[in-house]
N, C-alpha and C. Protein backbone atom coordinates (compact mmCIF):
# COMPACT_ATOMS: atom_id res chain seq x y z
N MET A 1 43.74 -41.93 -5.74
CA MET A 1 42.95 -42.96 -5.61
C MET A 1 41.76 -42.45 -4.67
N SER A 2 40.44 -42.93 -5.05
CA SER A 2 39.45 -42.37 -4.20
C SER A 2 39.05 -43.28 -3.23
N ASP A 3 38.24 -42.73 -2.13
CA ASP A 3 38.22 -43.61 -0.95
C ASP A 3 37.69 -44.98 -1.22
N THR A 4 36.79 -44.99 -2.02
CA THR A 4 36.17 -46.51 -2.62
C THR A 4 37.27 -47.42 -3.40
N GLU A 5 37.98 -46.90 -4.11
CA GLU A 5 39.11 -47.71 -4.55
C GLU A 5 40.27 -47.94 -3.62
N PHE A 6 40.72 -47.27 -2.78
CA PHE A 6 41.41 -47.84 -1.58
C PHE A 6 40.68 -48.67 -0.68
N LEU A 7 39.61 -48.61 -0.41
CA LEU A 7 38.87 -49.64 0.44
C LEU A 7 38.78 -51.05 -0.52
N LEU A 8 38.54 -51.12 -1.75
CA LEU A 8 38.71 -52.22 -2.52
C LEU A 8 39.87 -52.91 -2.58
N LEU A 9 41.16 -52.15 -2.71
CA LEU A 9 42.20 -52.66 -2.64
C LEU A 9 42.66 -53.32 -1.47
N VAL A 10 42.13 -52.60 -0.23
CA VAL A 10 42.48 -53.21 1.15
C VAL A 10 41.87 -54.44 1.23
N ARG A 11 40.66 -54.35 0.89
CA ARG A 11 39.68 -55.73 1.15
C ARG A 11 39.98 -56.69 0.28
N GLY A 12 40.72 -56.41 -0.94
CA GLY A 12 40.83 -57.40 -2.08
C GLY A 12 42.47 -58.06 -1.96
N PRO A 13 43.10 -57.60 -2.83
CA PRO A 13 44.61 -58.12 -2.91
C PRO A 13 45.34 -58.14 -1.58
N LEU A 14 45.37 -56.92 -1.06
CA LEU A 14 46.18 -56.88 0.00
C LEU A 14 45.48 -57.70 1.27
N PHE A 15 44.58 -57.88 1.53
CA PHE A 15 43.75 -58.89 2.44
C PHE A 15 44.19 -60.21 2.03
N THR A 16 44.42 -60.81 0.97
CA THR A 16 44.49 -62.00 0.28
C THR A 16 45.99 -62.23 0.63
N LEU A 17 46.96 -61.16 0.34
CA LEU A 17 48.20 -61.59 0.69
C LEU A 17 48.54 -61.52 1.94
N ALA A 18 47.95 -60.70 3.10
CA ALA A 18 48.07 -60.64 4.41
C ALA A 18 47.70 -62.25 4.89
N THR A 19 46.60 -62.81 4.15
CA THR A 19 46.04 -64.03 4.63
C THR A 19 46.99 -65.21 4.42
N VAL A 20 47.68 -65.04 3.27
CA VAL A 20 48.96 -66.04 2.82
C VAL A 20 50.13 -66.04 3.56
N ILE A 21 50.66 -64.84 3.96
CA ILE A 21 51.60 -64.58 4.94
C ILE A 21 51.30 -65.06 6.45
N LEU A 22 50.23 -64.86 6.80
CA LEU A 22 49.55 -65.15 8.24
C LEU A 22 49.78 -66.68 8.31
N VAL A 23 48.83 -67.58 7.23
CA VAL A 23 48.64 -68.81 7.39
C VAL A 23 50.13 -69.47 7.09
N GLY A 24 50.83 -69.33 6.07
CA GLY A 24 51.86 -69.79 5.65
C GLY A 24 52.99 -69.69 6.82
N GLY A 25 53.02 -68.59 7.31
CA GLY A 25 54.00 -68.00 8.51
C GLY A 25 53.74 -69.02 9.70
N VAL A 26 52.61 -69.16 9.90
CA VAL A 26 52.19 -69.83 11.38
C VAL A 26 52.49 -71.22 10.98
N LEU A 27 52.11 -72.07 9.79
CA LEU A 27 52.64 -73.25 9.39
C LEU A 27 53.95 -73.58 9.53
N ILE A 28 54.70 -72.77 9.02
CA ILE A 28 56.26 -72.89 9.17
C ILE A 28 56.83 -72.85 10.45
N ARG A 29 56.03 -71.91 11.33
CA ARG A 29 56.63 -71.89 12.60
C ARG A 29 56.21 -73.34 13.44
N ILE A 30 54.86 -73.80 13.15
CA ILE A 30 54.75 -75.02 13.80
C ILE A 30 55.53 -76.07 13.32
N ALA A 31 55.85 -76.15 11.96
CA ALA A 31 56.50 -77.42 11.40
C ALA A 31 57.79 -77.15 11.85
N GLU A 32 58.45 -76.05 12.15
CA GLU A 32 59.83 -75.97 12.79
C GLU A 32 59.74 -76.68 14.08
N ILE A 33 58.79 -76.54 14.94
CA ILE A 33 58.83 -77.07 16.30
C ILE A 33 58.45 -78.68 16.30
N LEU A 34 57.54 -78.99 15.38
CA LEU A 34 57.31 -80.46 15.20
C LEU A 34 58.45 -81.13 14.76
N PHE A 35 59.28 -80.63 13.80
CA PHE A 35 60.40 -81.48 13.28
C PHE A 35 61.88 -81.06 13.64
N MET A 36 61.79 -80.63 15.11
CA MET A 36 63.00 -80.23 15.55
C MET A 36 64.06 -81.47 15.79
N GLY A 37 63.71 -82.66 15.61
CA GLY A 37 64.60 -83.65 15.63
C GLY A 37 64.75 -84.13 16.91
N ARG A 38 63.80 -84.01 18.01
CA ARG A 38 64.23 -84.49 19.49
C ARG A 38 64.40 -86.03 19.49
N LYS A 39 65.42 -86.33 20.22
CA LYS A 39 65.68 -87.90 20.14
C LYS A 39 64.48 -88.45 21.22
N LYS A 40 64.30 -89.79 20.83
CA LYS A 40 63.30 -90.49 21.37
C LYS A 40 63.76 -90.80 22.81
N SER A 41 62.94 -90.82 23.95
CA SER A 41 63.58 -91.24 24.98
C SER A 41 63.56 -92.57 25.09
N LEU A 42 64.41 -93.35 25.61
CA LEU A 42 64.52 -94.78 25.75
C LEU A 42 64.19 -95.34 27.21
N ALA A 43 63.91 -94.27 28.28
CA ALA A 43 63.84 -94.57 29.43
C ALA A 43 62.31 -95.43 29.57
N GLU A 44 62.38 -95.81 30.41
CA GLU A 44 60.98 -96.65 30.58
C GLU A 44 59.98 -95.78 31.18
N ALA A 45 58.75 -95.77 30.82
CA ALA A 45 57.54 -94.74 30.95
C ALA A 45 57.22 -95.02 32.62
N ARG A 46 57.20 -93.87 33.46
CA ARG A 46 56.66 -94.35 34.66
C ARG A 46 55.38 -93.41 34.88
N GLY A 47 54.89 -92.65 33.66
CA GLY A 47 53.34 -92.15 33.85
C GLY A 47 53.03 -91.90 32.33
N SER A 48 52.00 -90.92 32.41
CA SER A 48 51.33 -90.98 30.98
C SER A 48 51.60 -89.41 30.42
N GLU A 49 52.10 -89.49 29.09
CA GLU A 49 52.37 -88.36 28.79
C GLU A 49 51.08 -87.49 28.47
N ALA A 50 49.96 -88.18 27.91
CA ALA A 50 48.78 -87.60 27.52
C ALA A 50 48.37 -86.52 28.73
N SER A 51 48.23 -87.50 29.99
CA SER A 51 47.45 -86.81 31.07
C SER A 51 48.68 -85.65 31.64
N GLY A 52 49.91 -85.95 31.58
CA GLY A 52 50.68 -84.81 32.13
C GLY A 52 50.83 -83.58 31.11
N GLY A 53 50.68 -83.84 29.72
CA GLY A 53 50.35 -82.67 28.93
C GLY A 53 49.44 -81.84 29.25
N PHE A 54 48.16 -82.85 29.15
CA PHE A 54 46.90 -81.76 29.60
C PHE A 54 46.91 -80.99 31.02
N ARG A 55 47.55 -82.08 31.91
CA ARG A 55 47.68 -81.17 33.03
C ARG A 55 48.17 -79.75 33.09
N VAL A 56 49.65 -79.84 32.55
CA VAL A 56 50.46 -78.53 32.32
C VAL A 56 49.52 -77.61 31.68
N MET A 57 49.05 -78.01 30.62
CA MET A 57 48.15 -76.95 29.72
C MET A 57 47.07 -76.19 30.60
N LEU A 58 46.45 -76.81 31.25
CA LEU A 58 45.41 -76.51 32.07
C LEU A 58 45.91 -75.77 33.62
N SER A 59 47.00 -76.10 34.12
CA SER A 59 47.15 -75.62 35.29
C SER A 59 48.17 -74.56 35.24
N ARG A 60 49.02 -74.23 33.89
CA ARG A 60 49.53 -73.13 33.72
C ARG A 60 48.74 -72.10 33.44
N SER A 61 47.50 -72.31 33.00
CA SER A 61 46.67 -71.13 32.63
C SER A 61 45.99 -70.56 33.82
N VAL A 62 46.31 -70.77 35.06
CA VAL A 62 45.78 -70.45 36.24
C VAL A 62 47.09 -70.26 37.10
N PRO A 63 47.41 -68.82 37.49
CA PRO A 63 48.49 -68.62 38.33
C PRO A 63 48.44 -69.04 39.79
N ASP A 64 49.33 -69.48 40.26
CA ASP A 64 49.59 -69.94 41.76
C ASP A 64 49.38 -68.91 42.57
N ALA A 65 49.30 -69.14 44.02
CA ALA A 65 48.96 -67.86 44.55
C ALA A 65 50.09 -67.05 44.86
N ASP A 66 51.32 -67.69 44.96
CA ASP A 66 52.54 -66.66 45.02
C ASP A 66 52.97 -65.90 43.87
N THR A 67 52.72 -66.59 42.64
CA THR A 67 52.87 -65.63 41.47
C THR A 67 51.74 -64.45 41.65
N PHE A 68 50.63 -64.92 41.74
CA PHE A 68 49.66 -63.66 41.68
C PHE A 68 49.74 -62.84 42.88
N HIS A 69 50.47 -63.05 44.03
CA HIS A 69 50.82 -61.94 44.92
C HIS A 69 51.94 -61.24 44.50
N ARG A 70 52.74 -61.76 43.60
CA ARG A 70 53.86 -60.93 43.15
C ARG A 70 53.59 -60.14 41.78
N SER A 71 52.66 -60.68 40.97
CA SER A 71 52.48 -60.10 39.84
C SER A 71 51.18 -60.07 39.31
N GLY A 72 50.21 -59.59 40.45
CA GLY A 72 48.90 -59.53 40.42
C GLY A 72 48.29 -58.65 39.28
N PHE A 73 48.95 -57.33 39.38
CA PHE A 73 48.40 -56.47 38.30
C PHE A 73 48.52 -56.71 36.99
N THR A 74 49.80 -57.54 36.64
CA THR A 74 49.95 -57.80 35.33
C THR A 74 49.11 -59.05 34.83
N ILE A 75 48.96 -59.86 35.89
CA ILE A 75 48.06 -61.01 35.39
C ILE A 75 46.78 -60.42 35.05
N ILE A 76 46.05 -59.61 35.97
CA ILE A 76 44.82 -59.38 35.96
C ILE A 76 44.43 -58.48 34.56
N SER A 77 45.48 -57.60 34.34
CA SER A 77 45.46 -56.64 33.03
C SER A 77 45.67 -57.76 31.98
N GLY A 78 46.68 -58.48 32.01
CA GLY A 78 46.63 -59.33 30.78
C GLY A 78 45.40 -60.41 30.50
N TYR A 79 44.91 -60.90 31.49
CA TYR A 79 43.65 -61.63 31.27
C TYR A 79 42.56 -60.68 30.81
N VAL A 80 42.38 -59.56 31.32
CA VAL A 80 41.29 -58.57 30.71
C VAL A 80 41.62 -58.21 29.24
N PHE A 81 43.03 -58.11 28.93
CA PHE A 81 43.36 -57.77 27.35
C PHE A 81 42.88 -59.03 26.78
N HIS A 82 43.59 -60.09 27.13
CA HIS A 82 43.26 -61.28 26.15
C HIS A 82 42.02 -61.59 25.85
N ILE A 83 41.18 -61.71 26.96
CA ILE A 83 39.83 -62.06 26.70
C ILE A 83 39.20 -60.90 26.02
N GLY A 84 39.28 -59.73 26.37
CA GLY A 84 38.74 -58.69 25.50
C GLY A 84 38.90 -58.91 24.05
N LEU A 85 40.27 -58.93 23.65
CA LEU A 85 40.72 -59.04 22.47
C LEU A 85 39.96 -60.27 21.64
N PHE A 86 39.69 -61.49 22.34
CA PHE A 86 39.02 -62.48 21.79
C PHE A 86 37.67 -62.32 21.51
N VAL A 87 36.94 -61.72 22.38
CA VAL A 87 35.54 -61.10 22.25
C VAL A 87 35.47 -60.14 21.24
N VAL A 88 36.30 -59.37 20.99
CA VAL A 88 36.15 -58.19 19.94
C VAL A 88 36.35 -58.72 18.71
N ILE A 89 37.35 -59.65 18.65
CA ILE A 89 37.66 -60.34 17.23
C ILE A 89 36.69 -61.26 16.71
N PHE A 90 36.30 -61.99 17.77
CA PHE A 90 35.23 -63.34 17.12
C PHE A 90 33.73 -63.21 17.41
N LEU A 91 33.53 -62.10 18.60
CA LEU A 91 32.02 -62.16 18.38
C LEU A 91 31.12 -60.81 18.01
N PHE A 92 32.18 -59.93 17.45
CA PHE A 92 31.61 -58.89 16.54
C PHE A 92 30.83 -59.22 15.25
N VAL A 93 29.73 -59.10 15.28
CA VAL A 93 28.92 -59.65 14.03
C VAL A 93 29.69 -59.25 12.64
N PRO A 94 30.19 -58.02 12.55
CA PRO A 94 30.81 -57.76 11.04
C PRO A 94 32.01 -58.76 10.83
N HIS A 95 32.83 -58.92 12.20
CA HIS A 95 33.97 -59.86 11.86
C HIS A 95 33.56 -61.27 11.73
N ILE A 96 32.11 -61.82 12.37
CA ILE A 96 31.78 -63.03 11.94
C ILE A 96 31.59 -63.24 10.62
N LEU A 97 30.96 -62.19 9.92
CA LEU A 97 30.65 -62.38 8.55
C LEU A 97 32.04 -62.57 7.73
N VAL A 98 32.98 -61.90 8.09
CA VAL A 98 34.28 -62.11 7.38
C VAL A 98 34.81 -63.53 7.59
N PHE A 99 34.68 -64.03 8.66
CA PHE A 99 34.98 -65.31 8.88
C PHE A 99 34.15 -66.40 8.09
N GLU A 100 32.66 -66.13 8.01
CA GLU A 100 31.71 -66.87 7.21
C GLU A 100 32.22 -66.87 5.65
N ARG A 101 32.52 -65.76 5.01
CA ARG A 101 32.92 -65.65 3.93
C ARG A 101 34.22 -66.28 3.62
N ALA A 102 34.92 -66.20 4.41
CA ALA A 102 36.39 -66.91 4.33
C ALA A 102 36.56 -68.42 4.59
N ILE A 103 35.71 -68.95 5.69
CA ILE A 103 35.73 -70.71 5.85
C ILE A 103 34.45 -71.25 6.04
N GLY A 104 33.40 -70.30 5.63
CA GLY A 104 31.98 -70.95 5.93
C GLY A 104 31.51 -71.16 7.17
N LEU A 105 32.11 -70.72 8.17
CA LEU A 105 31.67 -71.05 9.34
C LEU A 105 31.07 -69.86 10.01
N SER A 106 30.09 -69.89 10.87
CA SER A 106 29.17 -68.69 11.33
C SER A 106 28.69 -69.06 12.72
N TRP A 107 28.77 -68.20 13.83
CA TRP A 107 28.29 -68.35 15.15
C TRP A 107 27.49 -66.90 15.68
N PRO A 108 26.71 -67.07 16.72
CA PRO A 108 26.15 -65.72 17.14
C PRO A 108 27.20 -64.89 17.55
N GLY A 109 26.81 -63.59 17.51
CA GLY A 109 27.36 -62.51 17.95
C GLY A 109 26.88 -61.75 19.11
N LEU A 110 27.65 -60.97 19.48
CA LEU A 110 27.20 -60.22 20.80
C LEU A 110 26.76 -58.67 20.12
N PRO A 111 25.94 -57.95 21.09
CA PRO A 111 25.62 -56.69 20.54
C PRO A 111 26.78 -55.62 20.50
N SER A 112 26.67 -54.64 19.54
CA SER A 112 27.36 -53.69 19.32
C SER A 112 27.74 -52.97 20.42
N ASN A 113 26.82 -52.46 21.23
CA ASN A 113 27.39 -51.80 22.56
C ASN A 113 28.22 -52.48 23.27
N ILE A 114 28.11 -53.63 23.34
CA ILE A 114 28.91 -54.62 24.42
C ILE A 114 30.26 -54.62 23.64
N ILE A 115 30.40 -54.96 22.51
CA ILE A 115 31.57 -55.03 21.86
C ILE A 115 32.26 -53.48 21.82
N ASP A 116 31.35 -52.33 21.80
CA ASP A 116 32.22 -51.04 21.96
C ASP A 116 32.72 -50.90 23.36
N ALA A 117 32.02 -51.36 24.30
CA ALA A 117 32.62 -51.24 25.91
C ALA A 117 33.93 -52.30 25.93
N THR A 118 33.74 -53.31 25.43
CA THR A 118 34.88 -54.07 25.47
C THR A 118 36.00 -53.71 24.98
N THR A 119 35.93 -53.14 23.62
CA THR A 119 37.11 -52.48 23.14
C THR A 119 37.71 -51.44 23.90
N VAL A 120 36.88 -50.53 24.68
CA VAL A 120 37.49 -49.49 25.44
C VAL A 120 38.06 -50.16 26.51
N ILE A 121 37.51 -51.13 27.18
CA ILE A 121 38.09 -51.94 28.33
C ILE A 121 39.39 -52.56 28.01
N THR A 122 39.51 -53.28 26.78
CA THR A 122 40.54 -53.67 26.29
C THR A 122 41.78 -52.83 26.17
N LEU A 123 41.50 -51.66 25.39
CA LEU A 123 42.45 -50.51 25.16
C LEU A 123 43.08 -50.17 26.71
N ILE A 124 42.21 -49.96 27.62
CA ILE A 124 42.86 -49.22 28.77
C ILE A 124 43.79 -50.46 29.54
N ALA A 125 43.34 -51.73 29.36
CA ALA A 125 43.93 -52.66 30.04
C ALA A 125 45.40 -52.72 29.31
N MET A 126 45.60 -52.32 27.83
CA MET A 126 46.78 -52.44 27.16
C MET A 126 47.52 -51.37 27.53
N LEU A 127 47.08 -50.37 27.60
CA LEU A 127 47.75 -48.80 28.05
C LEU A 127 48.25 -48.99 29.38
N THR A 128 47.51 -49.82 30.39
CA THR A 128 48.15 -49.93 31.65
C THR A 128 49.33 -50.91 31.70
N LEU A 129 49.11 -51.90 30.74
CA LEU A 129 50.49 -52.77 30.64
C LEU A 129 51.58 -52.18 29.88
N LEU A 130 51.33 -51.24 29.04
CA LEU A 130 52.41 -50.42 28.16
C LEU A 130 53.19 -49.43 29.39
N ILE A 131 52.30 -48.79 30.32
CA ILE A 131 52.90 -47.68 31.15
C ILE A 131 53.56 -48.60 32.46
N HIS A 132 53.09 -49.73 32.80
CA HIS A 132 53.83 -50.70 33.63
C HIS A 132 55.17 -51.17 33.08
N ARG A 133 55.34 -51.39 31.78
CA ARG A 133 56.48 -51.89 31.22
C ARG A 133 57.52 -50.79 31.11
N ILE A 134 56.86 -49.37 30.86
CA ILE A 134 57.93 -48.38 30.68
C ILE A 134 58.28 -47.97 32.27
N VAL A 135 57.59 -48.08 32.94
CA VAL A 135 57.84 -47.33 34.52
C VAL A 135 58.78 -48.50 35.02
N ASP A 136 58.20 -49.89 35.05
CA ASP A 136 59.10 -50.77 35.94
C ASP A 136 60.66 -50.81 35.31
N PRO A 137 61.62 -50.44 36.23
CA PRO A 137 62.94 -50.51 35.60
C PRO A 137 63.31 -51.89 34.78
N VAL A 138 62.95 -53.09 35.88
CA VAL A 138 63.20 -54.33 35.06
C VAL A 138 62.54 -54.60 33.84
N ARG A 139 61.48 -54.59 33.77
CA ARG A 139 60.58 -54.68 32.65
C ARG A 139 61.24 -53.76 31.40
N ARG A 140 61.41 -52.50 31.88
CA ARG A 140 61.95 -51.73 30.76
C ARG A 140 63.29 -52.11 30.29
N MET A 141 64.12 -52.60 31.01
CA MET A 141 65.37 -53.21 30.60
C MET A 141 65.27 -54.48 29.68
N LEU A 142 64.33 -55.16 29.85
CA LEU A 142 64.05 -56.34 29.32
C LEU A 142 63.53 -56.30 27.87
N SER A 143 62.82 -55.07 27.68
CA SER A 143 62.01 -54.71 26.56
C SER A 143 63.03 -54.33 25.55
N GLY A 144 62.41 -54.95 24.09
CA GLY A 144 63.37 -54.29 23.05
C GLY A 144 62.24 -53.66 22.02
N PHE A 145 62.81 -53.30 21.11
CA PHE A 145 61.66 -52.86 19.92
C PHE A 145 60.66 -53.83 19.74
N GLN A 146 60.85 -55.03 19.55
CA GLN A 146 59.83 -55.93 19.22
C GLN A 146 58.59 -55.91 20.10
N ASP A 147 59.06 -55.66 21.52
CA ASP A 147 57.67 -55.87 22.55
C ASP A 147 56.83 -54.60 22.26
N TYR A 148 57.35 -53.38 21.78
CA TYR A 148 56.82 -52.18 21.71
C TYR A 148 56.17 -52.24 20.29
N TRP A 149 56.73 -52.80 19.22
CA TRP A 149 55.97 -52.90 18.10
C TRP A 149 54.95 -53.97 18.23
N VAL A 150 55.09 -54.73 18.69
CA VAL A 150 53.81 -55.97 18.98
C VAL A 150 52.57 -55.21 19.63
N TRP A 151 52.87 -54.54 20.55
CA TRP A 151 51.91 -53.58 21.40
C TRP A 151 50.99 -52.65 20.33
N LEU A 152 52.27 -51.98 19.60
CA LEU A 152 51.36 -51.05 18.63
C LEU A 152 50.53 -51.66 17.95
N VAL A 153 51.12 -52.78 16.97
CA VAL A 153 50.28 -53.52 15.91
C VAL A 153 48.89 -54.09 16.43
N THR A 154 49.06 -54.49 17.78
CA THR A 154 47.56 -54.94 18.25
C THR A 154 46.75 -53.88 18.70
N ALA A 155 47.14 -52.98 19.04
CA ALA A 155 46.45 -51.83 19.65
C ALA A 155 45.69 -51.18 18.53
N LEU A 156 46.35 -50.93 17.31
CA LEU A 156 45.83 -50.09 16.03
C LEU A 156 44.73 -50.88 15.55
N PRO A 157 44.46 -52.14 15.44
CA PRO A 157 43.27 -52.51 14.99
C PRO A 157 41.84 -52.02 15.77
N LEU A 158 42.15 -51.92 17.14
CA LEU A 158 41.29 -51.60 18.19
C LEU A 158 40.78 -50.39 18.08
N ILE A 159 41.94 -49.33 18.06
CA ILE A 159 41.54 -48.11 17.91
C ILE A 159 41.11 -47.82 16.60
N THR A 160 41.59 -48.02 15.53
CA THR A 160 41.11 -47.72 14.02
C THR A 160 39.45 -48.49 13.98
N GLY A 161 39.32 -49.50 14.59
CA GLY A 161 37.97 -50.18 14.51
C GLY A 161 37.01 -49.35 15.50
N TYR A 162 37.29 -48.69 16.45
CA TYR A 162 36.47 -47.73 17.13
C TYR A 162 36.25 -46.45 16.56
N PHE A 163 37.14 -46.10 15.99
CA PHE A 163 37.17 -44.85 14.96
C PHE A 163 35.96 -45.35 13.79
N ALA A 164 36.17 -46.23 13.18
CA ALA A 164 35.42 -46.55 12.16
C ALA A 164 34.05 -46.80 12.43
N PHE A 165 33.77 -47.60 13.44
CA PHE A 165 32.32 -47.83 14.11
C PHE A 165 31.71 -46.43 14.41
N HIS A 166 32.40 -45.51 14.91
CA HIS A 166 31.73 -44.31 15.32
C HIS A 166 31.99 -43.01 14.19
N ARG A 167 32.59 -43.46 13.16
CA ARG A 167 32.78 -42.41 12.08
C ARG A 167 33.46 -41.06 12.69
N VAL A 168 34.74 -41.39 13.09
CA VAL A 168 35.30 -40.39 13.80
C VAL A 168 36.38 -39.70 12.76
N GLY A 169 36.35 -38.63 12.53
CA GLY A 169 37.44 -37.57 11.88
C GLY A 169 37.24 -37.74 10.40
N VAL A 170 37.21 -38.94 9.77
CA VAL A 170 37.23 -38.92 8.13
C VAL A 170 36.07 -39.78 7.68
N SER A 171 36.04 -39.80 6.38
CA SER A 171 35.02 -40.62 5.60
C SER A 171 34.90 -42.00 6.13
N GLY A 172 33.74 -42.72 6.35
CA GLY A 172 33.66 -43.89 6.67
C GLY A 172 34.43 -45.06 5.81
N ALA A 173 34.36 -44.85 4.55
CA ALA A 173 35.07 -45.87 3.52
C ALA A 173 36.66 -45.90 3.88
N TRP A 174 36.91 -44.65 4.03
CA TRP A 174 38.39 -44.45 4.23
C TRP A 174 38.80 -44.86 5.77
N MET A 175 38.10 -44.58 6.83
CA MET A 175 38.57 -45.18 8.03
C MET A 175 38.35 -46.66 8.12
N LEU A 176 37.27 -47.10 7.28
CA LEU A 176 37.11 -48.74 7.42
C LEU A 176 38.29 -49.19 6.81
N ALA A 177 38.88 -48.43 5.57
CA ALA A 177 40.12 -49.19 4.78
C ALA A 177 41.20 -49.16 5.66
N VAL A 178 41.27 -47.79 6.36
CA VAL A 178 42.65 -47.99 7.50
C VAL A 178 42.60 -48.94 8.62
N HIS A 179 41.34 -49.14 8.96
CA HIS A 179 41.05 -50.38 10.11
C HIS A 179 41.56 -51.66 9.30
N ILE A 180 41.00 -51.85 8.05
CA ILE A 180 41.51 -53.26 7.41
C ILE A 180 42.85 -53.24 7.37
N LEU A 181 43.38 -52.20 6.95
CA LEU A 181 44.91 -52.20 6.62
C LEU A 181 45.55 -52.38 7.91
N SER A 182 45.29 -51.91 9.13
CA SER A 182 45.85 -52.18 10.53
C SER A 182 45.74 -53.59 10.68
N VAL A 183 44.63 -54.24 10.57
CA VAL A 183 44.57 -55.58 10.68
C VAL A 183 45.36 -56.54 9.87
N GLU A 184 45.57 -55.99 8.67
CA GLU A 184 46.54 -56.78 7.79
C GLU A 184 48.10 -56.60 8.21
N LEU A 185 48.45 -55.55 8.77
CA LEU A 185 49.82 -55.26 9.49
C LEU A 185 49.98 -56.14 10.55
N LEU A 186 48.88 -56.48 11.54
CA LEU A 186 48.91 -57.40 12.76
C LEU A 186 49.07 -58.86 12.04
N MET A 187 48.37 -58.94 10.87
CA MET A 187 48.02 -60.40 10.46
C MET A 187 49.79 -60.84 9.67
N ILE A 188 50.47 -60.01 9.05
CA ILE A 188 51.82 -60.18 8.55
C ILE A 188 52.81 -60.20 9.57
N THR A 189 52.60 -59.43 10.71
CA THR A 189 53.45 -59.45 11.98
C THR A 189 53.40 -60.41 12.80
N PHE A 190 52.17 -61.24 12.71
CA PHE A 190 52.17 -62.39 13.78
C PHE A 190 52.99 -63.50 13.76
N PRO A 191 53.42 -63.98 12.61
CA PRO A 191 53.90 -65.21 12.72
C PRO A 191 55.65 -65.09 13.02
N PHE A 192 55.99 -63.79 12.94
CA PHE A 192 57.53 -63.61 12.95
C PHE A 192 57.79 -62.89 14.24
N THR A 193 56.68 -62.83 15.02
CA THR A 193 57.03 -62.13 16.49
C THR A 193 56.46 -62.90 17.73
N SER A 194 56.58 -62.32 18.68
CA SER A 194 56.11 -63.01 19.89
C SER A 194 54.69 -63.38 19.89
N LEU A 195 54.02 -62.57 19.13
CA LEU A 195 52.42 -63.07 18.78
C LEU A 195 52.12 -64.50 18.58
N SER A 196 53.04 -64.79 17.91
CA SER A 196 52.68 -66.40 17.59
C SER A 196 52.93 -67.17 18.60
N HIS A 197 52.90 -66.62 19.88
CA HIS A 197 52.57 -67.61 21.09
C HIS A 197 51.46 -68.22 21.20
N ALA A 198 50.23 -67.32 20.51
CA ALA A 198 49.13 -67.92 20.68
C ALA A 198 49.04 -69.24 20.01
N PHE A 199 49.79 -69.81 19.46
CA PHE A 199 49.66 -71.38 18.95
C PHE A 199 50.76 -71.98 19.68
N THR A 200 52.02 -71.39 19.67
CA THR A 200 53.15 -72.07 20.15
C THR A 200 53.09 -72.23 21.67
N LEU A 201 52.50 -71.53 22.42
CA LEU A 201 52.38 -71.55 23.89
C LEU A 201 51.68 -72.97 24.43
N TRP A 202 50.71 -73.17 23.74
CA TRP A 202 50.10 -74.67 23.79
C TRP A 202 50.73 -75.79 23.59
N MET A 203 51.68 -75.66 22.59
CA MET A 203 52.23 -76.83 22.25
C MET A 203 53.63 -76.91 23.08
N SER A 204 54.16 -75.65 23.73
CA SER A 204 55.16 -75.55 24.48
C SER A 204 54.85 -76.31 26.17
N ARG A 205 53.65 -75.92 26.53
CA ARG A 205 53.07 -76.57 27.68
C ARG A 205 52.88 -78.09 27.85
N TRP A 206 52.30 -78.33 26.50
CA TRP A 206 51.77 -79.96 26.04
C TRP A 206 53.18 -80.51 26.09
N TYR A 207 54.50 -79.87 25.62
CA TYR A 207 55.64 -80.89 25.63
C TYR A 207 56.28 -80.99 27.02
N ASN A 208 56.43 -79.90 27.76
CA ASN A 208 56.88 -79.86 29.05
C ASN A 208 56.01 -80.91 29.97
N GLY A 209 54.71 -80.91 29.94
CA GLY A 209 53.88 -81.56 30.61
C GLY A 209 53.91 -83.16 30.19
N ALA A 210 54.17 -83.29 28.93
CA ALA A 210 54.14 -84.64 28.41
C ALA A 210 55.51 -85.21 28.92
N VAL A 211 56.54 -84.49 29.05
CA VAL A 211 57.98 -84.91 29.18
C VAL A 211 57.78 -85.39 30.87
N SER A 212 57.34 -84.36 31.61
CA SER A 212 57.13 -84.77 33.14
C SER A 212 56.42 -85.87 33.37
N GLY A 213 55.41 -86.11 32.56
CA GLY A 213 54.11 -87.03 32.83
C GLY A 213 54.78 -88.51 32.30
N TYR A 214 55.75 -88.27 31.39
CA TYR A 214 56.36 -89.77 31.15
C TYR A 214 57.47 -90.40 31.99
N ARG A 215 58.07 -89.39 32.79
CA ARG A 215 59.00 -89.51 33.94
C ARG A 215 58.18 -89.90 35.25
N GLY A 216 57.08 -89.70 34.96
CA GLY A 216 56.08 -89.63 36.49
C GLY A 216 56.43 -88.65 37.43
N ILE A 217 56.68 -87.56 36.88
CA ILE A 217 56.78 -86.03 37.64
C ILE A 217 55.54 -85.68 37.68
N ARG A 218 55.14 -85.08 38.86
CA ARG A 218 53.81 -84.33 38.94
C ARG A 218 54.25 -82.88 39.14
């Protein structure tokens, strides 16, 4: 198989398959949460579910002083990693073109040199989190195969994308195909691992806040 044929295979049928698995898997996970069959509360409402839900969604996004004092390194590295990943995925012009072809929406992107620097910073943040997980005895004990696998499939698109952009090592077409293939690996892993917290996290926070708000608990 030539480099061009490999690229066409990865960009065509394999990307379609990965998209179906991603979307279908996420919808199933959300449906499982929404239809868990929780019993309706018969107690009289003492507050607002909506305000309680939104309050917890926002407040839990900012760590309190005590938590930051105990886990400041992890929190800062985590924010750098998540923000950097968002910037690279959604503000790199070639990625925006992919979204435009897929869903018909487009938005302004950032210059390539900024995306390039953000990629490096994000990878450094991810590497520090990995080292911290390995070195810290408690985190190491609590970590399993899935934790390291999730780290790997998240880092691979950044690494291969950086190599493809700078044409490192092999032909441009082959490296681009490897990059897309790594993205597809991330896509099919997403719904079935802790990566799905990108969606379920907000639903969980809303639910906890809504329950407290209904009971009048602040």
